[in-house]
Amino acid sequence: MNLPNILTLGRCVLAAFFVLFMSFDHVACYIIAYGLFAAAAITDYYDGKIARAQNLITNFGKLLDPVADKILMVAGFVMLMRVPDLKIPGWAVIAILAREYLITGARSLAASDGVILPANAWGKAKTAIQMTYVFIILALVIFWRIILAVPALRAVLPGAPATYSAWLEYLSLGGIILVAVYTIYSGIQFTWVNWNALRLHQL
């Protein structure tokens, strides 16, 4: 197994540990989880870069890389739903997951015919947007928890804490809706580009 594929598998392992630490509603666990998510995101960047630079692109990697991305992002969205400071509706996460599983199923269907469908530009942008959302929202949760835990910081905070809590909820809600809309749109683009490869014209 080459290095890019090892990094891709490593992303799945990091996602598992991310879930573990996000299971505890404590700022220290959130900080560790944030670091794990960042490390996983770095592997997502370097596995493709190394594969292209050293000509190590394999069919296994083409199939596993988007699956590893989905595992990481599913972990991110599901665990953020558990954070009490945020407002992330289940329907938005379900819409995101439905798109991800449908595209994964389409890839598996094409692979059964010997056709490999790698992630396109829309899919890569979708993953970047999803990761950015998790990075920003989880960072805001961590900063807010630290402020609440340190009396000196809380004392100099202009306005009532409830106002900031409400804004954090609104940001998480508005952000997840935008992510869900783009995720669905990228799925439509993937289907359109690969219409013939998926034999959808034969339906």
N, C-alpha and C. Protein backbone atom coordinates (compact mmCIF):
# COMPACT_ATOMS: atom_id res chain seq x y z
N MET A 1 0.85 -1.19 0.00
CA MET A 1 0.00 0.00 0.00
C MET A 1 0.88 1.24 0.00
N ASN A 2 0.56 2.19 -0.89
CA ASN A 2 1.41 3.38 -1.00
C ASN A 2 1.03 4.42 0.06
N LEU A 3 1.88 5.47 0.15
CA LEU A 3 1.70 6.50 1.18
C LEU A 3 0.38 7.24 1.07
N PRO A 4 -0.06 7.68 -0.11
CA PRO A 4 -1.36 8.36 -0.19
C PRO A 4 -2.51 7.53 0.36
N ASN A 5 -2.51 6.23 0.06
CA ASN A 5 -3.59 5.38 0.56
C ASN A 5 -3.50 5.19 2.08
N ILE A 6 -2.28 5.16 2.60
CA ILE A 6 -2.10 5.06 4.06
C ILE A 6 -2.65 6.32 4.73
N LEU A 7 -2.38 7.48 4.12
CA LEU A 7 -2.90 8.74 4.67
C LEU A 7 -4.43 8.76 4.63
N THR A 8 -4.98 8.21 3.56
CA THR A 8 -6.43 8.16 3.44
C THR A 8 -7.04 7.28 4.53
N LEU A 9 -6.44 6.11 4.76
CA LEU A 9 -6.91 5.24 5.84
C LEU A 9 -6.73 5.90 7.20
N GLY A 10 -5.63 6.66 7.33
CA GLY A 10 -5.39 7.38 8.57
C GLY A 10 -6.48 8.39 8.86
N ARG A 11 -7.05 8.97 7.80
CA ARG A 11 -8.13 9.93 7.97
C ARG A 11 -9.35 9.26 8.60
N CYS A 12 -9.60 8.02 8.23
CA CYS A 12 -10.72 7.27 8.83
C CYS A 12 -10.47 7.02 10.31
N VAL A 13 -9.23 6.69 10.66
CA VAL A 13 -8.88 6.45 12.07
C VAL A 13 -9.02 7.73 12.88
N LEU A 14 -8.54 8.85 12.33
CA LEU A 14 -8.65 10.13 13.01
C LEU A 14 -10.11 10.53 13.20
N ALA A 15 -10.94 10.20 12.23
CA ALA A 15 -12.37 10.49 12.35
C ALA A 15 -12.98 9.73 13.53
N ALA A 16 -12.54 8.50 13.73
CA ALA A 16 -13.05 7.70 14.85
C ALA A 16 -12.68 8.33 16.19
N PHE A 17 -11.45 8.79 16.31
CA PHE A 17 -11.02 9.44 17.56
C PHE A 17 -11.71 10.79 17.74
N PHE A 18 -11.98 11.47 16.63
CA PHE A 18 -12.74 12.73 16.68
C PHE A 18 -14.11 12.47 17.32
N VAL A 19 -14.78 11.42 16.88
CA VAL A 19 -16.08 11.06 17.44
C VAL A 19 -15.96 10.77 18.94
N LEU A 20 -14.91 10.06 19.31
CA LEU A 20 -14.70 9.70 20.71
C LEU A 20 -14.62 10.94 21.59
N PHE A 21 -13.80 11.90 21.22
CA PHE A 21 -13.62 13.08 22.07
C PHE A 21 -14.81 14.03 21.99
N MET A 22 -15.49 14.09 20.86
CA MET A 22 -16.66 14.94 20.75
C MET A 22 -17.84 14.37 21.54
N SER A 23 -17.72 13.14 21.98
CA SER A 23 -18.79 12.52 22.76
C SER A 23 -18.86 13.08 24.17
N PHE A 24 -17.82 13.80 24.59
CA PHE A 24 -17.78 14.38 25.93
C PHE A 24 -17.98 15.89 25.83
N ASP A 25 -18.99 16.39 26.52
CA ASP A 25 -19.32 17.81 26.47
C ASP A 25 -18.42 18.60 27.41
N HIS A 26 -17.15 18.74 26.98
CA HIS A 26 -16.16 19.46 27.78
C HIS A 26 -15.22 20.19 26.84
N VAL A 27 -14.84 21.41 27.19
CA VAL A 27 -14.04 22.23 26.28
C VAL A 27 -12.70 21.57 25.97
N ALA A 28 -12.09 20.89 26.92
CA ALA A 28 -10.80 20.24 26.67
C ALA A 28 -10.95 19.14 25.62
N CYS A 29 -12.03 18.38 25.70
CA CYS A 29 -12.28 17.33 24.71
C CYS A 29 -12.56 17.94 23.34
N TYR A 30 -13.25 19.08 23.33
CA TYR A 30 -13.52 19.76 22.06
C TYR A 30 -12.22 20.24 21.41
N ILE A 31 -11.30 20.72 22.23
CA ILE A 31 -10.02 21.20 21.70
C ILE A 31 -9.24 20.05 21.07
N ILE A 32 -9.20 18.91 21.76
CA ILE A 32 -8.51 17.74 21.21
C ILE A 32 -9.19 17.28 19.92
N ALA A 33 -10.52 17.26 19.93
CA ALA A 33 -11.27 16.86 18.73
C ALA A 33 -10.97 17.81 17.57
N TYR A 34 -10.84 19.08 17.88
CA TYR A 34 -10.53 20.07 16.85
C TYR A 34 -9.18 19.77 16.21
N GLY A 35 -8.21 19.43 17.05
CA GLY A 35 -6.88 19.08 16.54
C GLY A 35 -6.91 17.83 15.68
N LEU A 36 -7.71 16.85 16.08
CA LEU A 36 -7.83 15.62 15.30
C LEU A 36 -8.49 15.89 13.95
N PHE A 37 -9.49 16.75 13.96
CA PHE A 37 -10.18 17.09 12.70
C PHE A 37 -9.22 17.84 11.78
N ALA A 38 -8.42 18.73 12.36
CA ALA A 38 -7.43 19.47 11.55
C ALA A 38 -6.42 18.51 10.94
N ALA A 39 -5.94 17.55 11.73
CA ALA A 39 -4.98 16.57 11.22
C ALA A 39 -5.59 15.74 10.09
N ALA A 40 -6.85 15.38 10.24
CA ALA A 40 -7.54 14.62 9.20
C ALA A 40 -7.67 15.44 7.92
N ALA A 41 -7.97 16.72 8.08
CA ALA A 41 -8.10 17.60 6.91
C ALA A 41 -6.76 17.74 6.19
N ILE A 42 -5.67 17.74 6.95
CA ILE A 42 -4.34 17.84 6.35
C ILE A 42 -4.05 16.59 5.51
N THR A 43 -4.44 15.42 6.02
CA THR A 43 -4.23 14.19 5.24
C THR A 43 -5.03 14.24 3.94
N ASP A 44 -6.20 14.88 3.97
CA ASP A 44 -7.02 14.99 2.77
C ASP A 44 -6.30 15.82 1.70
N TYR A 45 -5.54 16.81 2.15
CA TYR A 45 -4.80 17.64 1.20
C TYR A 45 -3.59 16.91 0.65
N TYR A 46 -2.83 16.26 1.54
CA TYR A 46 -1.56 15.68 1.13
C TYR A 46 -1.68 14.34 0.42
N ASP A 47 -2.72 13.56 0.70
CA ASP A 47 -2.79 12.27 0.01
C ASP A 47 -2.96 12.47 -1.50
N GLY A 48 -3.81 13.43 -1.87
CA GLY A 48 -3.98 13.71 -3.30
C GLY A 48 -2.76 14.36 -3.92
N LYS A 49 -2.14 15.27 -3.18
CA LYS A 49 -0.97 15.97 -3.69
C LYS A 49 0.19 15.01 -3.94
N ILE A 50 0.43 14.12 -2.99
CA ILE A 50 1.51 13.15 -3.12
C ILE A 50 1.22 12.17 -4.25
N ALA A 51 -0.04 11.74 -4.32
CA ALA A 51 -0.42 10.77 -5.36
C ALA A 51 -0.19 11.34 -6.75
N ARG A 52 -0.54 12.62 -6.93
CA ARG A 52 -0.35 13.24 -8.25
C ARG A 52 1.12 13.50 -8.54
N ALA A 53 1.87 13.96 -7.53
CA ALA A 53 3.27 14.30 -7.73
C ALA A 53 4.13 13.08 -8.02
N GLN A 54 3.82 11.96 -7.37
CA GLN A 54 4.63 10.75 -7.52
C GLN A 54 3.95 9.69 -8.40
N ASN A 55 2.90 10.09 -9.06
CA ASN A 55 2.17 9.18 -9.96
C ASN A 55 1.76 7.90 -9.23
N LEU A 56 1.15 8.08 -8.07
CA LEU A 56 0.71 6.95 -7.25
C LEU A 56 -0.81 6.84 -7.22
N ILE A 57 -1.44 7.36 -8.25
CA ILE A 57 -2.90 7.31 -8.32
C ILE A 57 -3.35 5.90 -8.66
N THR A 58 -4.19 5.33 -7.79
CA THR A 58 -4.68 3.97 -7.99
C THR A 58 -6.21 3.97 -7.95
N ASN A 59 -6.81 2.92 -8.49
CA ASN A 59 -8.26 2.78 -8.42
C ASN A 59 -8.74 2.68 -6.97
N PHE A 60 -7.93 1.99 -6.14
CA PHE A 60 -8.26 1.89 -4.72
C PHE A 60 -8.31 3.27 -4.09
N GLY A 61 -7.35 4.10 -4.41
CA GLY A 61 -7.31 5.45 -3.87
C GLY A 61 -8.46 6.31 -4.37
N LYS A 62 -8.81 6.15 -5.65
CA LYS A 62 -9.92 6.93 -6.21
C LYS A 62 -11.23 6.60 -5.51
N LEU A 63 -11.39 5.33 -5.14
CA LEU A 63 -12.61 4.92 -4.46
C LEU A 63 -12.57 5.27 -2.97
N LEU A 64 -11.42 5.05 -2.34
CA LEU A 64 -11.33 5.22 -0.89
C LEU A 64 -11.30 6.69 -0.47
N ASP A 65 -10.66 7.55 -1.26
CA ASP A 65 -10.50 8.95 -0.86
C ASP A 65 -11.84 9.64 -0.62
N PRO A 66 -12.79 9.60 -1.56
CA PRO A 66 -14.07 10.24 -1.29
C PRO A 66 -14.85 9.57 -0.15
N VAL A 67 -14.66 8.25 0.02
CA VAL A 67 -15.34 7.57 1.13
C VAL A 67 -14.78 8.06 2.46
N ALA A 68 -13.46 8.21 2.55
CA ALA A 68 -12.84 8.72 3.77
C ALA A 68 -13.31 10.14 4.07
N ASP A 69 -13.44 10.95 3.01
CA ASP A 69 -13.97 12.30 3.20
C ASP A 69 -15.37 12.26 3.79
N LYS A 70 -16.19 11.37 3.29
CA LYS A 70 -17.57 11.26 3.78
C LYS A 70 -17.61 10.80 5.23
N ILE A 71 -16.75 9.85 5.58
CA ILE A 71 -16.70 9.38 6.97
C ILE A 71 -16.36 10.54 7.90
N LEU A 72 -15.37 11.33 7.50
CA LEU A 72 -14.94 12.46 8.32
C LEU A 72 -16.06 13.49 8.45
N MET A 73 -16.71 13.82 7.34
CA MET A 73 -17.72 14.85 7.37
C MET A 73 -19.00 14.38 8.08
N VAL A 74 -19.37 13.12 7.90
CA VAL A 74 -20.50 12.59 8.63
C VAL A 74 -20.24 12.67 10.13
N ALA A 75 -19.02 12.32 10.53
CA ALA A 75 -18.64 12.41 11.94
C ALA A 75 -18.74 13.85 12.42
N GLY A 76 -18.26 14.79 11.62
CA GLY A 76 -18.29 16.19 12.00
C GLY A 76 -19.70 16.71 12.22
N PHE A 77 -20.59 16.49 11.26
CA PHE A 77 -21.94 17.02 11.36
C PHE A 77 -22.77 16.34 12.44
N VAL A 78 -22.66 15.03 12.54
CA VAL A 78 -23.43 14.31 13.54
C VAL A 78 -23.00 14.71 14.95
N MET A 79 -21.71 14.83 15.18
CA MET A 79 -21.23 15.19 16.51
C MET A 79 -21.51 16.65 16.85
N LEU A 80 -21.51 17.53 15.85
CA LEU A 80 -21.86 18.93 16.13
C LEU A 80 -23.32 19.05 16.53
N MET A 81 -24.16 18.16 16.03
CA MET A 81 -25.57 18.18 16.42
C MET A 81 -25.74 17.97 17.93
N ARG A 82 -24.78 17.30 18.55
CA ARG A 82 -24.86 17.00 19.97
C ARG A 82 -24.41 18.14 20.86
N VAL A 83 -23.79 19.16 20.26
CA VAL A 83 -23.27 20.28 21.04
C VAL A 83 -24.44 21.19 21.43
N PRO A 84 -24.70 21.38 22.71
CA PRO A 84 -25.89 22.14 23.14
C PRO A 84 -25.84 23.63 22.76
N ASP A 85 -24.66 24.17 22.48
CA ASP A 85 -24.54 25.59 22.14
C ASP A 85 -25.02 25.88 20.72
N LEU A 86 -25.20 24.86 19.91
CA LEU A 86 -25.50 25.05 18.49
C LEU A 86 -26.95 24.69 18.16
N LYS A 87 -27.36 25.16 17.00
CA LYS A 87 -28.69 24.85 16.50
C LYS A 87 -28.54 24.28 15.09
N ILE A 88 -28.44 22.97 15.02
CA ILE A 88 -28.25 22.28 13.75
C ILE A 88 -29.42 21.33 13.55
N PRO A 89 -30.36 21.68 12.68
CA PRO A 89 -31.56 20.83 12.50
C PRO A 89 -31.22 19.50 11.84
N GLY A 90 -31.92 18.48 12.26
CA GLY A 90 -31.68 17.15 11.72
C GLY A 90 -31.93 17.05 10.23
N TRP A 91 -32.92 17.80 9.71
CA TRP A 91 -33.24 17.69 8.28
C TRP A 91 -32.08 18.13 7.40
N ALA A 92 -31.31 19.14 7.87
CA ALA A 92 -30.18 19.62 7.08
C ALA A 92 -29.08 18.56 7.02
N VAL A 93 -28.82 17.93 8.14
CA VAL A 93 -27.80 16.88 8.18
C VAL A 93 -28.26 15.67 7.37
N ILE A 94 -29.54 15.33 7.47
CA ILE A 94 -30.06 14.20 6.69
C ILE A 94 -29.93 14.47 5.20
N ALA A 95 -30.21 15.72 4.78
CA ALA A 95 -30.08 16.08 3.36
C ALA A 95 -28.64 15.90 2.90
N ILE A 96 -27.69 16.31 3.75
CA ILE A 96 -26.27 16.17 3.41
C ILE A 96 -25.89 14.69 3.32
N LEU A 97 -26.32 13.91 4.31
CA LEU A 97 -25.97 12.49 4.33
C LEU A 97 -26.62 11.74 3.17
N ALA A 98 -27.85 12.12 2.83
CA ALA A 98 -28.54 11.46 1.71
C ALA A 98 -27.76 11.66 0.43
N ARG A 99 -27.30 12.87 0.19
CA ARG A 99 -26.50 13.15 -1.02
C ARG A 99 -25.24 12.31 -1.01
N GLU A 100 -24.56 12.27 0.14
CA GLU A 100 -23.30 11.55 0.23
C GLU A 100 -23.49 10.06 -0.05
N TYR A 101 -24.52 9.46 0.54
CA TYR A 101 -24.73 8.02 0.35
C TYR A 101 -25.21 7.70 -1.05
N LEU A 102 -26.01 8.57 -1.64
CA LEU A 102 -26.46 8.34 -3.01
C LEU A 102 -25.28 8.38 -3.98
N ILE A 103 -24.38 9.34 -3.79
CA ILE A 103 -23.22 9.43 -4.68
C ILE A 103 -22.29 8.25 -4.45
N THR A 104 -22.12 7.84 -3.20
CA THR A 104 -21.29 6.66 -2.92
C THR A 104 -21.89 5.42 -3.58
N GLY A 105 -23.21 5.29 -3.52
CA GLY A 105 -23.88 4.17 -4.19
C GLY A 105 -23.69 4.22 -5.69
N ALA A 106 -23.75 5.43 -6.25
CA ALA A 106 -23.54 5.58 -7.70
C ALA A 106 -22.12 5.18 -8.09
N ARG A 107 -21.15 5.56 -7.27
CA ARG A 107 -19.77 5.18 -7.54
C ARG A 107 -19.61 3.66 -7.49
N SER A 108 -20.25 3.04 -6.51
CA SER A 108 -20.16 1.58 -6.39
C SER A 108 -20.80 0.89 -7.58
N LEU A 109 -21.91 1.44 -8.05
CA LEU A 109 -22.59 0.89 -9.21
C LEU A 109 -21.71 0.98 -10.45
N ALA A 110 -21.08 2.14 -10.63
CA ALA A 110 -20.18 2.32 -11.77
C ALA A 110 -18.97 1.41 -11.65
N ALA A 111 -18.45 1.25 -10.43
CA ALA A 111 -17.26 0.42 -10.22
C ALA A 111 -17.54 -1.04 -10.56
N SER A 112 -18.79 -1.48 -10.34
CA SER A 112 -19.15 -2.85 -10.68
C SER A 112 -19.05 -3.11 -12.18
N ASP A 113 -19.12 -2.02 -12.97
CA ASP A 113 -18.96 -2.12 -14.42
C ASP A 113 -17.55 -1.76 -14.87
N GLY A 114 -16.65 -1.62 -13.89
CA GLY A 114 -15.26 -1.29 -14.21
C GLY A 114 -15.01 0.17 -14.47
N VAL A 115 -15.95 1.03 -14.08
CA VAL A 115 -15.81 2.48 -14.29
C VAL A 115 -15.56 3.16 -12.95
N ILE A 116 -14.46 3.89 -12.84
CA ILE A 116 -14.12 4.61 -11.62
C ILE A 116 -14.52 6.08 -11.80
N LEU A 117 -15.31 6.58 -10.87
CA LEU A 117 -15.76 7.97 -10.93
C LEU A 117 -15.11 8.75 -9.79
N PRO A 118 -14.00 9.43 -10.06
CA PRO A 118 -13.33 10.21 -9.02
C PRO A 118 -14.12 11.47 -8.71
N ALA A 119 -13.78 12.09 -7.58
CA ALA A 119 -14.44 13.34 -7.21
C ALA A 119 -14.08 14.42 -8.22
N ASN A 120 -15.10 15.22 -8.62
CA ASN A 120 -14.84 16.32 -9.55
C ASN A 120 -14.64 17.62 -8.78
N ALA A 121 -14.51 18.73 -9.50
CA ALA A 121 -14.25 20.02 -8.86
C ALA A 121 -15.38 20.42 -7.92
N TRP A 122 -16.63 20.11 -8.31
CA TRP A 122 -17.76 20.45 -7.45
C TRP A 122 -17.71 19.67 -6.15
N GLY A 123 -17.34 18.40 -6.26
CA GLY A 123 -17.24 17.57 -5.07
C GLY A 123 -16.12 18.02 -4.14
N LYS A 124 -14.99 18.40 -4.72
CA LYS A 124 -13.87 18.86 -3.90
C LYS A 124 -14.22 20.18 -3.21
N ALA A 125 -14.90 21.07 -3.92
CA ALA A 125 -15.32 22.33 -3.31
C ALA A 125 -16.33 22.07 -2.21
N LYS A 126 -17.21 21.11 -2.43
CA LYS A 126 -18.20 20.74 -1.41
C LYS A 126 -17.52 20.28 -0.13
N THR A 127 -16.50 19.42 -0.28
CA THR A 127 -15.77 18.93 0.89
C THR A 127 -15.07 20.08 1.61
N ALA A 128 -14.47 21.00 0.85
CA ALA A 128 -13.79 22.15 1.45
C ALA A 128 -14.77 23.02 2.23
N ILE A 129 -15.95 23.24 1.67
CA ILE A 129 -16.96 24.06 2.34
C ILE A 129 -17.45 23.38 3.61
N GLN A 130 -17.67 22.07 3.53
CA GLN A 130 -18.11 21.34 4.72
C GLN A 130 -17.06 21.39 5.82
N MET A 131 -15.79 21.18 5.45
CA MET A 131 -14.72 21.23 6.45
C MET A 131 -14.61 22.62 7.06
N THR A 132 -14.74 23.65 6.23
CA THR A 132 -14.65 25.02 6.73
C THR A 132 -15.74 25.30 7.75
N TYR A 133 -16.93 24.80 7.47
CA TYR A 133 -18.04 24.99 8.42
C TYR A 133 -17.71 24.36 9.77
N VAL A 134 -17.25 23.12 9.75
CA VAL A 134 -16.92 22.44 11.01
C VAL A 134 -15.81 23.18 11.73
N PHE A 135 -14.77 23.61 11.00
CA PHE A 135 -13.66 24.34 11.62
C PHE A 135 -14.16 25.60 12.31
N ILE A 136 -14.94 26.40 11.60
CA ILE A 136 -15.38 27.69 12.14
C ILE A 136 -16.33 27.52 13.31
N ILE A 137 -17.33 26.68 13.15
CA ILE A 137 -18.35 26.52 14.20
C ILE A 137 -17.75 25.90 15.45
N LEU A 138 -16.92 24.87 15.29
CA LEU A 138 -16.32 24.24 16.46
C LEU A 138 -15.35 25.20 17.15
N ALA A 139 -14.64 26.01 16.38
CA ALA A 139 -13.74 27.00 16.97
C ALA A 139 -14.52 28.03 17.78
N LEU A 140 -15.67 28.46 17.26
CA LEU A 140 -16.50 29.43 17.98
C LEU A 140 -17.03 28.83 19.28
N VAL A 141 -17.40 27.55 19.23
CA VAL A 141 -17.87 26.88 20.45
C VAL A 141 -16.75 26.85 21.50
N ILE A 142 -15.55 26.51 21.07
CA ILE A 142 -14.42 26.44 21.99
C ILE A 142 -14.14 27.80 22.60
N PHE A 143 -14.08 28.84 21.77
CA PHE A 143 -13.82 30.19 22.28
C PHE A 143 -14.91 30.62 23.25
N TRP A 144 -16.15 30.31 22.93
CA TRP A 144 -17.26 30.71 23.79
C TRP A 144 -17.21 29.97 25.13
N ARG A 145 -16.89 28.69 25.09
CA ARG A 145 -16.78 27.92 26.33
C ARG A 145 -15.64 28.45 27.21
N ILE A 146 -14.52 28.83 26.58
CA ILE A 146 -13.39 29.38 27.34
C ILE A 146 -13.79 30.69 28.00
N ILE A 147 -14.49 31.55 27.25
CA ILE A 147 -14.93 32.84 27.81
C ILE A 147 -15.85 32.61 29.00
N LEU A 148 -16.78 31.68 28.88
CA LEU A 148 -17.70 31.40 29.97
C LEU A 148 -17.00 30.81 31.19
N ALA A 149 -15.91 30.07 30.93
CA ALA A 149 -15.20 29.41 32.03
C ALA A 149 -14.24 30.33 32.77
N VAL A 150 -13.86 31.47 32.15
CA VAL A 150 -12.91 32.40 32.76
C VAL A 150 -13.67 33.66 33.19
N PRO A 151 -13.85 33.87 34.49
CA PRO A 151 -14.62 35.02 34.98
C PRO A 151 -14.09 36.37 34.48
N ALA A 152 -12.76 36.50 34.37
CA ALA A 152 -12.17 37.77 33.93
C ALA A 152 -12.58 38.09 32.50
N LEU A 153 -12.63 37.08 31.65
CA LEU A 153 -13.05 37.29 30.26
C LEU A 153 -14.55 37.57 30.18
N ARG A 154 -15.30 36.87 30.98
CA ARG A 154 -16.76 37.05 30.96
C ARG A 154 -17.13 38.44 31.47
N ALA A 155 -16.33 38.97 32.41
CA ALA A 155 -16.63 40.28 33.00
C ALA A 155 -16.46 41.42 32.00
N VAL A 156 -15.51 41.27 31.07
CA VAL A 156 -15.26 42.35 30.10
C VAL A 156 -16.07 42.17 28.82
N LEU A 157 -16.91 41.17 28.79
CA LEU A 157 -17.71 40.90 27.61
C LEU A 157 -18.82 41.95 27.49
N PRO A 158 -18.83 42.73 26.40
CA PRO A 158 -19.90 43.74 26.24
C PRO A 158 -21.23 43.08 25.93
N GLY A 159 -22.25 43.45 26.65
CA GLY A 159 -23.56 42.87 26.41
C GLY A 159 -23.80 41.61 27.23
N ALA A 160 -25.01 41.10 27.14
CA ALA A 160 -25.39 39.92 27.91
C ALA A 160 -24.89 38.65 27.22
N PRO A 161 -24.43 37.66 27.99
CA PRO A 161 -23.97 36.40 27.40
C PRO A 161 -25.04 35.72 26.55
N ALA A 162 -26.30 35.91 26.93
CA ALA A 162 -27.38 35.28 26.17
C ALA A 162 -27.42 35.75 24.72
N THR A 163 -27.01 37.01 24.51
CA THR A 163 -26.98 37.55 23.15
C THR A 163 -25.98 36.80 22.29
N TYR A 164 -24.80 36.53 22.85
CA TYR A 164 -23.76 35.82 22.11
C TYR A 164 -24.16 34.35 21.88
N SER A 165 -24.83 33.78 22.86
CA SER A 165 -25.30 32.40 22.70
C SER A 165 -26.30 32.31 21.55
N ALA A 166 -27.17 33.31 21.46
CA ALA A 166 -28.16 33.34 20.39
C ALA A 166 -27.49 33.49 19.03
N TRP A 167 -26.49 34.36 18.95
CA TRP A 167 -25.78 34.54 17.67
C TRP A 167 -25.06 33.28 17.24
N LEU A 168 -24.52 32.55 18.21
CA LEU A 168 -23.84 31.30 17.88
C LEU A 168 -24.85 30.29 17.30
N GLU A 169 -26.04 30.28 17.86
CA GLU A 169 -27.08 29.40 17.33
C GLU A 169 -27.47 29.80 15.91
N TYR A 170 -27.65 31.12 15.69
CA TYR A 170 -28.03 31.60 14.37
C TYR A 170 -26.95 31.31 13.32
N LEU A 171 -25.69 31.50 13.71
CA LEU A 171 -24.59 31.23 12.78
C LEU A 171 -24.53 29.75 12.41
N SER A 172 -24.70 28.90 13.40
CA SER A 172 -24.66 27.45 13.12
C SER A 172 -25.84 27.05 12.25
N LEU A 173 -27.00 27.64 12.48
CA LEU A 173 -28.19 27.31 11.69
C LEU A 173 -28.06 27.81 10.25
N GLY A 174 -27.72 29.08 10.10
CA GLY A 174 -27.58 29.64 8.75
C GLY A 174 -26.48 28.94 7.96
N GLY A 175 -25.37 28.64 8.63
CA GLY A 175 -24.25 27.99 7.96
C GLY A 175 -24.59 26.60 7.48
N ILE A 176 -25.28 25.82 8.31
CA ILE A 176 -25.59 24.44 7.93
C ILE A 176 -26.59 24.41 6.78
N ILE A 177 -27.49 25.38 6.73
CA ILE A 177 -28.45 25.44 5.62
C ILE A 177 -27.72 25.71 4.31
N LEU A 178 -26.76 26.66 4.34
CA LEU A 178 -25.98 26.96 3.13
C LEU A 178 -25.15 25.76 2.70
N VAL A 179 -24.56 25.07 3.67
CA VAL A 179 -23.76 23.87 3.36
C VAL A 179 -24.65 22.80 2.74
N ALA A 180 -25.84 22.61 3.30
CA ALA A 180 -26.76 21.59 2.78
C ALA A 180 -27.17 21.91 1.34
N VAL A 181 -27.47 23.18 1.07
CA VAL A 181 -27.88 23.58 -0.28
C VAL A 181 -26.76 23.32 -1.28
N TYR A 182 -25.53 23.71 -0.93
CA TYR A 182 -24.42 23.50 -1.87
C TYR A 182 -24.12 22.01 -2.03
N THR A 183 -24.22 21.27 -0.95
CA THR A 183 -23.96 19.83 -1.01
C THR A 183 -24.92 19.15 -1.98
N ILE A 184 -26.20 19.50 -1.90
CA ILE A 184 -27.19 18.93 -2.81
C ILE A 184 -26.90 19.36 -4.25
N TYR A 185 -26.53 20.63 -4.42
CA TYR A 185 -26.23 21.13 -5.76
C TYR A 185 -25.04 20.39 -6.37
N SER A 186 -24.02 20.14 -5.56
CA SER A 186 -22.85 19.42 -6.07
C SER A 186 -23.21 18.00 -6.46
N GLY A 187 -24.18 17.41 -5.76
CA GLY A 187 -24.64 16.07 -6.12
C GLY A 187 -25.35 16.07 -7.46
N ILE A 188 -26.12 17.13 -7.71
CA ILE A 188 -26.79 17.26 -9.00
C ILE A 188 -25.76 17.41 -10.12
N GLN A 189 -24.72 18.22 -9.87
CA GLN A 189 -23.66 18.39 -10.85
C GLN A 189 -22.94 17.07 -11.14
N PHE A 190 -22.66 16.31 -10.10
CA PHE A 190 -21.99 15.01 -10.26
C PHE A 190 -22.84 14.08 -11.13
N THR A 191 -24.14 14.06 -10.86
CA THR A 191 -25.04 13.20 -11.63
C THR A 191 -25.10 13.63 -13.08
N TRP A 192 -25.14 14.93 -13.31
CA TRP A 192 -25.22 15.45 -14.68
C TRP A 192 -23.96 15.10 -15.48
N VAL A 193 -22.79 15.31 -14.86
CA VAL A 193 -21.52 15.06 -15.55
C VAL A 193 -21.34 13.58 -15.86
N ASN A 194 -21.81 12.73 -14.94
CA ASN A 194 -21.59 11.29 -15.09
C ASN A 194 -22.87 10.56 -15.53
N TRP A 195 -23.75 11.26 -16.18
CA TRP A 195 -25.04 10.70 -16.58
C TRP A 195 -24.87 9.43 -17.42
N ASN A 196 -24.02 9.50 -18.43
CA ASN A 196 -23.83 8.34 -19.30
C ASN A 196 -23.09 7.21 -18.59
N ALA A 197 -22.08 7.58 -17.79
CA ALA A 197 -21.30 6.55 -17.09
C ALA A 197 -22.18 5.77 -16.12
N LEU A 198 -23.18 6.45 -15.54
CA LEU A 198 -24.09 5.79 -14.60
C LEU A 198 -25.26 5.10 -15.31
N ARG A 199 -25.29 5.26 -16.65
CA ARG A 199 -26.33 4.66 -17.50
C ARG A 199 -27.72 5.13 -17.10
N LEU A 200 -27.81 6.36 -16.65
CA LEU A 200 -29.11 6.90 -16.28
C LEU A 200 -30.00 7.15 -17.49
N HIS A 201 -29.37 7.25 -18.66
CA HIS A 201 -30.15 7.45 -19.88
C HIS A 201 -30.94 6.19 -20.26
N GLN A 202 -30.62 5.06 -19.61
CA GLN A 202 -31.32 3.82 -19.91
C GLN A 202 -32.52 3.58 -18.99
N LEU A 203 -32.75 4.49 -18.07
CA LEU A 203 -33.88 4.31 -17.15
C LEU A 203 -35.21 4.43 -17.88
